[in-house]
Amino acid sequence: MAAPPAGVGGATGFPESYGLFYQNPPSDTDANGKSWYTRSQNLIVNYIEAAPGARFSRQGQVDEYMIVLPDDDTPWEITANGETKFGAGHPSW
């Protein structure tokens, strides 16, 4: 891949990549489910097939953290900084 012209930003020296989790065995398997990891230039994705009633904990989390629930019927509970939020799943638009 050729270097970008001087003064042009936003280009990288690496081609795109994909986390095709279904092609590889999980990185972690336990009572909470199965999980896979893939890394991009700016973040790590931890894809989890959670078991019913699974619990996940992040202690001392200093970085941003996001949870994406693709199914309408995935209830959740999140506690952070002494505040707890609940939900029945993502909203149907």
PDB file of N, CA and C in Angstrom:
ATOM      1  N   MET A   1       0.854  -1.167   0.000  1.00  0.00           N
ATOM      2  CA  MET A   1       0.000   0.000   0.000  1.00  0.00           C
ATOM      3  C   MET A   1       0.898   1.226   0.000  1.00  0.00           C
ATOM      4  N   ALA A   2       0.638   2.137  -0.874  1.00  0.00           N
ATOM      5  CA  ALA A   2       1.445   3.359  -0.981  1.00  0.00           C
ATOM      6  C   ALA A   2       1.110   4.320   0.138  1.00  0.00           C
ATOM      7  N   ALA A   3       2.089   5.107   0.532  1.00  0.00           N
ATOM      8  CA  ALA A   3       1.873   6.115   1.573  1.00  0.00           C
ATOM      9  C   ALA A   3       0.964   7.214   1.024  1.00  0.00           C
ATOM     10  N   PRO A   4       0.119   7.815   1.872  1.00  0.00           N
ATOM     11  CA  PRO A   4      -0.748   8.899   1.403  1.00  0.00           C
ATOM     12  C   PRO A   4       0.084  10.123   1.067  1.00  0.00           C
ATOM     13  N   PRO A   5      -0.403  10.961   0.156  1.00  0.00           N
ATOM     14  CA  PRO A   5       0.310  12.196  -0.170  1.00  0.00           C
ATOM     15  C   PRO A   5       0.459  13.061   1.076  1.00  0.00           C
ATOM     16  N   ALA A   6       1.479  13.880   1.118  1.00  0.00           N
ATOM     17  CA  ALA A   6       1.723  14.777   2.249  1.00  0.00           C
ATOM     18  C   ALA A   6       0.491  15.629   2.518  1.00  0.00           C
ATOM     19  N   GLY A   7       0.133  15.776   3.790  1.00  0.00           N
ATOM     20  CA  GLY A   7      -1.006  16.615   4.161  1.00  0.00           C
ATOM     21  C   GLY A   7      -2.341  15.890   4.128  1.00  0.00           C
ATOM     22  N   VAL A   8      -2.371  14.625   3.695  1.00  0.00           N
ATOM     23  CA  VAL A   8      -3.626  13.880   3.643  1.00  0.00           C
ATOM     24  C   VAL A   8      -3.695  12.994   4.885  1.00  0.00           C
ATOM     25  N   GLY A   9      -4.714  13.189   5.702  1.00  0.00           N
ATOM     26  CA  GLY A   9      -4.851  12.403   6.922  1.00  0.00           C
ATOM     27  C   GLY A   9      -5.900  11.322   6.767  1.00  0.00           C
ATOM     28  N   GLY A  10      -6.008  10.499   7.788  1.00  0.00           N
ATOM     29  CA  GLY A  10      -7.061   9.496   7.823  1.00  0.00           C
ATOM     30  C   GLY A  10      -6.734   8.201   7.117  1.00  0.00           C
ATOM     31  N   ALA A  11      -5.569   8.064   6.536  1.00  0.00           N
ATOM     32  CA  ALA A  11      -5.214   6.823   5.848  1.00  0.00           C
ATOM     33  C   ALA A  11      -4.429   5.929   6.794  1.00  0.00           C
ATOM     34  N   THR A  12      -4.555   4.636   6.625  1.00  0.00           N
ATOM     35  CA  THR A  12      -3.793   3.690   7.431  1.00  0.00           C
ATOM     36  C   THR A  12      -2.898   2.865   6.534  1.00  0.00           C
ATOM     37  N   GLY A  13      -1.961   2.184   7.138  1.00  0.00           N
ATOM     38  CA  GLY A  13      -1.069   1.325   6.383  1.00  0.00           C
ATOM     39  C   GLY A  13      -1.496  -0.130   6.403  1.00  0.00           C
ATOM     40  N   PHE A  14      -2.676  -0.421   6.935  1.00  0.00           N
ATOM     41  CA  PHE A  14      -3.128  -1.798   7.049  1.00  0.00           C
ATOM     42  C   PHE A  14      -4.457  -1.987   6.334  1.00  0.00           C
ATOM     43  N   PRO A  15      -4.652  -3.123   5.664  1.00  0.00           N
ATOM     44  CA  PRO A  15      -5.953  -3.394   5.048  1.00  0.00           C
ATOM     45  C   PRO A  15      -6.997  -3.726   6.116  1.00  0.00           C
ATOM     46  N   GLU A  16      -8.251  -3.692   5.740  1.00  0.00           N
ATOM     47  CA  GLU A  16      -9.320  -4.026   6.682  1.00  0.00           C
ATOM     48  C   GLU A  16      -9.201  -5.478   7.124  1.00  0.00           C
ATOM     49  N   SER A  17      -9.776  -5.764   8.285  1.00  0.00           N
ATOM     50  CA  SER A  17      -9.815  -7.132   8.773  1.00  0.00           C
ATOM     51  C   SER A  17     -11.189  -7.371   9.390  1.00  0.00           C
ATOM     52  N   TYR A  18     -11.517  -8.630   9.619  1.00  0.00           N
ATOM     53  CA  TYR A  18     -12.836  -8.989  10.116  1.00  0.00           C
ATOM     54  C   TYR A  18     -12.698  -9.965  11.284  1.00  0.00           C
ATOM     55  N   GLY A  19     -13.605  -9.856  12.236  1.00  0.00           N
ATOM     56  CA  GLY A  19     -13.689 -10.841  13.310  1.00  0.00           C
ATOM     57  C   GLY A  19     -14.778 -11.838  12.940  1.00  0.00           C
ATOM     58  N   LEU A  20     -14.424 -12.898  12.280  1.00  0.00           N
ATOM     59  CA  LEU A  20     -15.392 -13.916  11.856  1.00  0.00           C
ATOM     60  C   LEU A  20     -15.464 -14.980  12.943  1.00  0.00           C
ATOM     61  N   PHE A  21     -16.168 -14.652  14.017  1.00  0.00           N
ATOM     62  CA  PHE A  21     -16.158 -15.470  15.222  1.00  0.00           C
ATOM     63  C   PHE A  21     -16.644 -16.892  14.983  1.00  0.00           C
ATOM     64  N   TYR A  22     -17.566 -17.074  14.067  1.00  0.00           N
ATOM     65  CA  TYR A  22     -18.115 -18.399  13.795  1.00  0.00           C
ATOM     66  C   TYR A  22     -17.090 -19.336  13.164  1.00  0.00           C
ATOM     67  N   GLN A  23     -15.962 -18.810  12.700  1.00  0.00           N
ATOM     68  CA  GLN A  23     -14.956 -19.654  12.063  1.00  0.00           C
ATOM     69  C   GLN A  23     -13.921 -20.204  13.045  1.00  0.00           C
ATOM     70  N   ASN A  24     -13.870 -19.666  14.254  1.00  0.00           N
ATOM     71  CA  ASN A  24     -12.855 -20.065  15.227  1.00  0.00           C
ATOM     72  C   ASN A  24     -13.501 -20.514  16.526  1.00  0.00           C
ATOM     73  N   PRO A  25     -12.830 -21.397  17.258  1.00  0.00           N
ATOM     74  CA  PRO A  25     -13.363 -21.766  18.572  1.00  0.00           C
ATOM     75  C   PRO A  25     -13.319 -20.557  19.501  1.00  0.00           C
ATOM     76  N   PRO A  26     -14.171 -20.503  20.516  1.00  0.00           N
ATOM     77  CA  PRO A  26     -14.179 -19.362  21.420  1.00  0.00           C
ATOM     78  C   PRO A  26     -12.858 -19.223  22.178  1.00  0.00           C
ATOM     79  N   SER A  27     -12.521 -17.980  22.525  1.00  0.00           N
ATOM     80  CA  SER A  27     -11.328 -17.707  23.335  1.00  0.00           C
ATOM     81  C   SER A  27     -11.558 -18.126  24.776  1.00  0.00           C
ATOM     82  N   ASP A  28     -12.789 -17.938  25.259  1.00  0.00           N
ATOM     83  CA  ASP A  28     -13.159 -18.284  26.631  1.00  0.00           C
ATOM     84  C   ASP A  28     -14.495 -19.020  26.609  1.00  0.00           C
ATOM     85  N   THR A  29     -14.618 -20.040  27.436  1.00  0.00           N
ATOM     86  CA  THR A  29     -15.877 -20.748  27.629  1.00  0.00           C
ATOM     87  C   THR A  29     -16.013 -21.040  29.115  1.00  0.00           C
ATOM     88  N   ASP A  30     -17.144 -20.604  29.701  1.00  0.00           N
ATOM     89  CA  ASP A  30     -17.398 -20.897  31.106  1.00  0.00           C
ATOM     90  C   ASP A  30     -18.901 -20.884  31.346  1.00  0.00           C
ATOM     91  N   ALA A  31     -19.330 -20.854  32.597  1.00  0.00           N
ATOM     92  CA  ALA A  31     -20.756 -20.901  32.931  1.00  0.00           C
ATOM     93  C   ALA A  31     -21.515 -19.697  32.383  1.00  0.00           C
ATOM     94  N   ASN A  32     -20.820 -18.586  32.077  1.00  0.00           N
ATOM     95  CA  ASN A  32     -21.470 -17.397  31.538  1.00  0.00           C
ATOM     96  C   ASN A  32     -21.687 -17.473  30.031  1.00  0.00           C
ATOM     97  N   GLY A  33     -21.017 -18.381  29.353  1.00  0.00           N
ATOM     98  CA  GLY A  33     -21.190 -18.524  27.908  1.00  0.00           C
ATOM     99  C   GLY A  33     -19.861 -18.650  27.191  1.00  0.00           C
ATOM    100  N   LYS A  34     -19.867 -18.270  25.919  1.00  0.00           N
ATOM    101  CA  LYS A  34     -18.678 -18.348  25.071  1.00  0.00           C
ATOM    102  C   LYS A  34     -18.315 -16.943  24.620  1.00  0.00           C
ATOM    103  N   SER A  35     -17.016 -16.666  24.499  1.00  0.00           N
ATOM    104  CA  SER A  35     -16.615 -15.335  24.037  1.00  0.00           C
ATOM    105  C   SER A  35     -15.421 -15.411  23.096  1.00  0.00           C
ATOM    106  N   TRP A  36     -15.383 -14.461  22.185  1.00  0.00           N
ATOM    107  CA  TRP A  36     -14.326 -14.313  21.202  1.00  0.00           C
ATOM    108  C   TRP A  36     -13.833 -12.869  21.270  1.00  0.00           C
ATOM    109  N   TYR A  37     -12.594 -12.637  20.861  1.00  0.00           N
ATOM    110  CA  TYR A  37     -12.015 -11.290  20.837  1.00  0.00           C
ATOM    111  C   TYR A  37     -11.484 -10.988  19.445  1.00  0.00           C
ATOM    112  N   THR A  38     -11.597  -9.741  19.051  1.00  0.00           N
ATOM    113  CA  THR A  38     -10.910  -9.259  17.864  1.00  0.00           C
ATOM    114  C   THR A  38     -10.490  -7.820  18.149  1.00  0.00           C
ATOM    115  N   ARG A  39      -9.420  -7.400  17.527  1.00  0.00           N
ATOM    116  CA  ARG A  39      -8.859  -6.080  17.790  1.00  0.00           C
ATOM    117  C   ARG A  39      -8.908  -5.238  16.527  1.00  0.00           C
ATOM    118  N   SER A  40      -9.259  -3.976  16.697  1.00  0.00           N
ATOM    119  CA  SER A  40      -9.149  -3.027  15.600  1.00  0.00           C
ATOM    120  C   SER A  40      -8.025  -2.065  15.966  1.00  0.00           C
ATOM    121  N   GLN A  41      -7.891  -1.037  15.189  1.00  0.00           N
ATOM    122  CA  GLN A  41      -6.829  -0.072  15.464  1.00  0.00           C
ATOM    123  C   GLN A  41      -7.100   0.701  16.755  1.00  0.00           C
ATOM    124  N   ASN A  42      -8.382   0.910  17.094  1.00  0.00           N
ATOM    125  CA  ASN A  42      -8.716   1.763  18.228  1.00  0.00           C
ATOM    126  C   ASN A  42      -9.445   1.061  19.365  1.00  0.00           C
ATOM    127  N   LEU A  43      -9.827  -0.194  19.191  1.00  0.00           N
ATOM    128  CA  LEU A  43     -10.604  -0.838  20.236  1.00  0.00           C
ATOM    129  C   LEU A  43     -10.506  -2.354  20.149  1.00  0.00           C
ATOM    130  N   ILE A  44     -11.013  -2.989  21.192  1.00  0.00           N
ATOM    131  CA  ILE A  44     -11.117  -4.451  21.225  1.00  0.00           C
ATOM    132  C   ILE A  44     -12.595  -4.798  21.307  1.00  0.00           C
ATOM    133  N   VAL A  45     -13.019  -5.750  20.505  1.00  0.00           N
ATOM    134  CA  VAL A  45     -14.388  -6.240  20.543  1.00  0.00           C
ATOM    135  C   VAL A  45     -14.373  -7.593  21.237  1.00  0.00           C
ATOM    136  N   ASN A  46     -15.217  -7.742  22.247  1.00  0.00           N
ATOM    137  CA  ASN A  46     -15.396  -9.013  22.945  1.00  0.00           C
ATOM    138  C   ASN A  46     -16.824  -9.460  22.640  1.00  0.00           C
ATOM    139  N   TYR A  47     -16.968 -10.374  21.691  1.00  0.00           N
ATOM    140  CA  TYR A  47     -18.269 -10.886  21.288  1.00  0.00           C
ATOM    141  C   TYR A  47     -18.617 -12.039  22.221  1.00  0.00           C
ATOM    142  N   ILE A  48     -19.787 -11.972  22.864  1.00  0.00           N
ATOM    143  CA  ILE A  48     -20.173 -12.981  23.847  1.00  0.00           C
ATOM    144  C   ILE A  48     -21.517 -13.590  23.472  1.00  0.00           C
ATOM    145  N   GLU A  49     -21.565 -14.907  23.435  1.00  0.00           N
ATOM    146  CA  GLU A  49     -22.824 -15.637  23.368  1.00  0.00           C
ATOM    147  C   GLU A  49     -23.132 -16.007  24.815  1.00  0.00           C
ATOM    148  N   ALA A  50     -23.889 -15.155  25.485  1.00  0.00           N
ATOM    149  CA  ALA A  50     -24.128 -15.302  26.920  1.00  0.00           C
ATOM    150  C   ALA A  50     -25.140 -16.396  27.212  1.00  0.00           C
ATOM    151  N   ALA A  51     -24.898 -17.135  28.265  1.00  0.00           N
ATOM    152  CA  ALA A  51     -25.839 -18.137  28.755  1.00  0.00           C
ATOM    153  C   ALA A  51     -26.930 -17.423  29.552  1.00  0.00           C
ATOM    154  N   PRO A  52     -28.136 -17.976  29.615  1.00  0.00           N
ATOM    155  CA  PRO A  52     -29.184 -17.360  30.435  1.00  0.00           C
ATOM    156  C   PRO A  52     -28.697 -17.152  31.876  1.00  0.00           C
ATOM    157  N   GLY A  53     -28.925 -15.951  32.412  1.00  0.00           N
ATOM    158  CA  GLY A  53     -28.509 -15.630  33.774  1.00  0.00           C
ATOM    159  C   GLY A  53     -27.036 -15.286  33.925  1.00  0.00           C
ATOM    160  N   ALA A  54     -26.314 -15.146  32.813  1.00  0.00           N
ATOM    161  CA  ALA A  54     -24.878 -14.853  32.877  1.00  0.00           C
ATOM    162  C   ALA A  54     -24.621 -13.529  33.583  1.00  0.00           C
ATOM    163  N   ARG A  55     -23.471 -13.446  34.244  1.00  0.00           N
ATOM    164  CA  ARG A  55     -23.058 -12.229  34.952  1.00  0.00           C
ATOM    165  C   ARG A  55     -21.640 -11.885  34.512  1.00  0.00           C
ATOM    166  N   PHE A  56     -21.410 -10.630  34.208  1.00  0.00           N
ATOM    167  CA  PHE A  56     -20.096 -10.161  33.781  1.00  0.00           C
ATOM    168  C   PHE A  56     -19.711  -8.969  34.648  1.00  0.00           C
ATOM    169  N   SER A  57     -18.467  -8.910  35.023  1.00  0.00           N
ATOM    170  CA  SER A  57     -18.010  -7.855  35.917  1.00  0.00           C
ATOM    171  C   SER A  57     -16.769  -7.193  35.346  1.00  0.00           C
ATOM    172  N   ARG A  58     -16.713  -5.877  35.446  1.00  0.00           N
ATOM    173  CA  ARG A  58     -15.539  -5.098  35.051  1.00  0.00           C
ATOM    174  C   ARG A  58     -15.115  -4.293  36.267  1.00  0.00           C
ATOM    175  N   GLN A  59     -14.037  -4.655  36.909  1.00  0.00           N
ATOM    176  CA  GLN A  59     -13.539  -3.948  38.083  1.00  0.00           C
ATOM    177  C   GLN A  59     -12.457  -2.960  37.653  1.00  0.00           C
ATOM    178  N   GLY A  60     -12.513  -1.756  38.187  1.00  0.00           N
ATOM    179  CA  GLY A  60     -11.480  -0.762  37.893  1.00  0.00           C
ATOM    180  C   GLY A  60     -11.454  -0.347  36.432  1.00  0.00           C
ATOM    181  N   GLN A  61     -12.593  -0.354  35.781  1.00  0.00           N
ATOM    182  CA  GLN A  61     -12.681  -0.017  34.353  1.00  0.00           C
ATOM    183  C   GLN A  61     -12.348   1.463  34.153  1.00  0.00           C
ATOM    184  N   VAL A  62     -11.227   1.756  33.530  1.00  0.00           N
ATOM    185  CA  VAL A  62     -10.827   3.153  33.313  1.00  0.00           C
ATOM    186  C   VAL A  62     -11.129   3.617  31.890  1.00  0.00           C
ATOM    187  N   ASP A  63     -11.362   2.678  30.994  1.00  0.00           N
ATOM    188  CA  ASP A  63     -11.639   3.030  29.604  1.00  0.00           C
ATOM    189  C   ASP A  63     -13.137   3.019  29.342  1.00  0.00           C
ATOM    190  N   GLU A  64     -13.528   3.539  28.184  1.00  0.00           N
ATOM    191  CA  GLU A  64     -14.935   3.483  27.786  1.00  0.00           C
ATOM    192  C   GLU A  64     -15.324   2.020  27.587  1.00  0.00           C
ATOM    193  N   TYR A  65     -16.592   1.750  27.815  1.00  0.00           N
ATOM    194  CA  TYR A  65     -17.093   0.380  27.730  1.00  0.00           C
ATOM    195  C   TYR A  65     -18.499   0.461  27.175  1.00  0.00           C
ATOM    196  N   MET A  66     -18.831  -0.378  26.217  1.00  0.00           N
ATOM    197  CA  MET A  66     -20.147  -0.332  25.596  1.00  0.00           C
ATOM    198  C   MET A  66     -20.677  -1.756  25.481  1.00  0.00           C
ATOM    199  N   ILE A  67     -21.964  -1.899  25.709  1.00  0.00           N
ATOM    200  CA  ILE A  67     -22.626  -3.187  25.548  1.00  0.00           C
ATOM    201  C   ILE A  67     -23.664  -3.023  24.447  1.00  0.00           C
ATOM    202  N   VAL A  68     -23.657  -3.929  23.478  1.00  0.00           N
ATOM    203  CA  VAL A  68     -24.627  -3.920  22.386  1.00  0.00           C
ATOM    204  C   VAL A  68     -25.453  -5.192  22.508  1.00  0.00           C
ATOM    205  N   LEU A  69     -26.769  -5.035  22.616  1.00  0.00           N
ATOM    206  CA  LEU A  69     -27.677  -6.177  22.715  1.00  0.00           C
ATOM    207  C   LEU A  69     -28.484  -6.253  21.423  1.00  0.00           C
ATOM    208  N   PRO A  70     -28.185  -7.217  20.557  1.00  0.00           N
ATOM    209  CA  PRO A  70     -28.850  -7.254  19.255  1.00  0.00           C
ATOM    210  C   PRO A  70     -30.278  -7.772  19.283  1.00  0.00           C
ATOM    211  N   ASP A  71     -30.700  -8.433  20.353  1.00  0.00           N
ATOM    212  CA  ASP A  71     -32.031  -9.031  20.394  1.00  0.00           C
ATOM    213  C   ASP A  71     -32.982  -8.216  21.267  1.00  0.00           C
ATOM    214  N   ASP A  72     -34.244  -8.094  20.818  1.00  0.00           N
ATOM    215  CA  ASP A  72     -35.261  -7.364  21.577  1.00  0.00           C
ATOM    216  C   ASP A  72     -35.506  -7.958  22.950  1.00  0.00           C
ATOM    217  N   ASP A  73     -35.375  -9.261  23.075  1.00  0.00           N
ATOM    218  CA  ASP A  73     -35.768  -9.929  24.313  1.00  0.00           C
ATOM    219  C   ASP A  73     -34.580 -10.328  25.193  1.00  0.00           C
ATOM    220  N   THR A  74     -33.552  -9.498  25.228  1.00  0.00           N
ATOM    221  CA  THR A  74     -32.398  -9.754  26.084  1.00  0.00           C
ATOM    222  C   THR A  74     -32.431  -8.777  27.250  1.00  0.00           C
ATOM    223  N   PRO A  75     -32.985  -9.196  28.392  1.00  0.00           N
ATOM    224  CA  PRO A  75     -33.030  -8.291  29.540  1.00  0.00           C
ATOM    225  C   PRO A  75     -31.620  -8.051  30.085  1.00  0.00           C
ATOM    226  N   TRP A  76     -31.416  -6.877  30.692  1.00  0.00           N
ATOM    227  CA  TRP A  76     -30.102  -6.535  31.208  1.00  0.00           C
ATOM    228  C   TRP A  76     -30.213  -5.718  32.496  1.00  0.00           C
ATOM    229  N   GLU A  77     -29.144  -5.739  33.256  1.00  0.00           N
ATOM    230  CA  GLU A  77     -28.999  -4.928  34.458  1.00  0.00           C
ATOM    231  C   GLU A  77     -27.544  -4.485  34.520  1.00  0.00           C
ATOM    232  N   ILE A  78     -27.317  -3.196  34.687  1.00  0.00           N
ATOM    233  CA  ILE A  78     -25.963  -2.648  34.742  1.00  0.00           C
ATOM    234  C   ILE A  78     -25.839  -1.789  35.989  1.00  0.00           C
ATOM    235  N   THR A  79     -24.767  -1.998  36.742  1.00  0.00           N
ATOM    236  CA  THR A  79     -24.482  -1.181  37.913  1.00  0.00           C
ATOM    237  C   THR A  79     -23.111  -0.544  37.733  1.00  0.00           C
ATOM    238  N   ALA A  80     -23.051   0.768  37.916  1.00  0.00           N
ATOM    239  CA  ALA A  80     -21.787   1.508  37.829  1.00  0.00           C
ATOM    240  C   ALA A  80     -21.873   2.729  38.728  1.00  0.00           C
ATOM    241  N   ASN A  81     -20.809   2.978  39.436  1.00  0.00           N
ATOM    242  CA  ASN A  81     -20.739   4.144  40.322  1.00  0.00           C
ATOM    243  C   ASN A  81     -21.927   4.214  41.270  1.00  0.00           C
ATOM    244  N   GLY A  82     -22.360   3.060  41.781  1.00  0.00           N
ATOM    245  CA  GLY A  82     -23.451   3.017  42.745  1.00  0.00           C
ATOM    246  C   GLY A  82     -24.842   3.198  42.167  1.00  0.00           C
ATOM    247  N   GLU A  83     -24.968   3.262  40.850  1.00  0.00           N
ATOM    248  CA  GLU A  83     -26.268   3.431  40.191  1.00  0.00           C
ATOM    249  C   GLU A  83     -26.569   2.186  39.361  1.00  0.00           C
ATOM    250  N   THR A  84     -27.804   1.694  39.438  1.00  0.00           N
ATOM    251  CA  THR A  84     -28.205   0.502  38.690  1.00  0.00           C
ATOM    252  C   THR A  84     -29.313   0.860  37.707  1.00  0.00           C
ATOM    253  N   LYS A  85     -29.183   0.368  36.486  1.00  0.00           N
ATOM    254  CA  LYS A  85     -30.180   0.548  35.425  1.00  0.00           C
ATOM    255  C   LYS A  85     -30.623  -0.827  34.944  1.00  0.00           C
ATOM    256  N   PHE A  86     -31.900  -0.938  34.570  1.00  0.00           N
ATOM    257  CA  PHE A  86     -32.474  -2.188  34.084  1.00  0.00           C
ATOM    258  C   PHE A  86     -33.098  -1.957  32.712  1.00  0.00           C
ATOM    259  N   GLY A  87     -33.222  -3.024  31.933  1.00  0.00           N
ATOM    260  CA  GLY A  87     -33.921  -2.938  30.659  1.00  0.00           C
ATOM    261  C   GLY A  87     -34.389  -4.309  30.206  1.00  0.00           C
ATOM    262  N   ALA A  88     -35.436  -4.331  29.402  1.00  0.00           N
ATOM    263  CA  ALA A  88     -35.988  -5.586  28.894  1.00  0.00           C
ATOM    264  C   ALA A  88     -35.317  -6.030  27.604  1.00  0.00           C
ATOM    265  N   GLY A  89     -34.538  -5.185  26.991  1.00  0.00           N
ATOM    266  CA  GLY A  89     -33.892  -5.446  25.712  1.00  0.00           C
ATOM    267  C   GLY A  89     -33.823  -4.140  24.953  1.00  0.00           C
ATOM    268  N   HIS A  90     -33.257  -4.159  23.776  1.00  0.00           N
ATOM    269  CA  HIS A  90     -33.160  -2.891  23.042  1.00  0.00           C
ATOM    270  C   HIS A  90     -34.538  -2.509  22.521  1.00  0.00           C
ATOM    271  N   PRO A  91     -34.797  -1.212  22.336  1.00  0.00           N
ATOM    272  CA  PRO A  91     -36.128  -0.788  21.877  1.00  0.00           C
ATOM    273  C   PRO A  91     -36.380  -1.193  20.422  1.00  0.00           C
ATOM    274  N   SER A  92     -37.608  -1.512  20.107  1.00  0.00           N
ATOM    275  CA  SER A  92     -37.995  -1.806  18.724  1.00  0.00           C
ATOM    276  C   SER A  92     -38.325  -0.485  18.039  1.00  0.00           C
ATOM    277  N   TRP A  93     -37.725  -0.234  16.939  1.00  0.00           N
ATOM    278  CA  TRP A  93     -37.933   1.059  16.246  1.00  0.00           C
ATOM    279  C   TRP A  93     -38.963   0.922  15.169  1.00  0.00           C
TER     280      TRP A  93
END
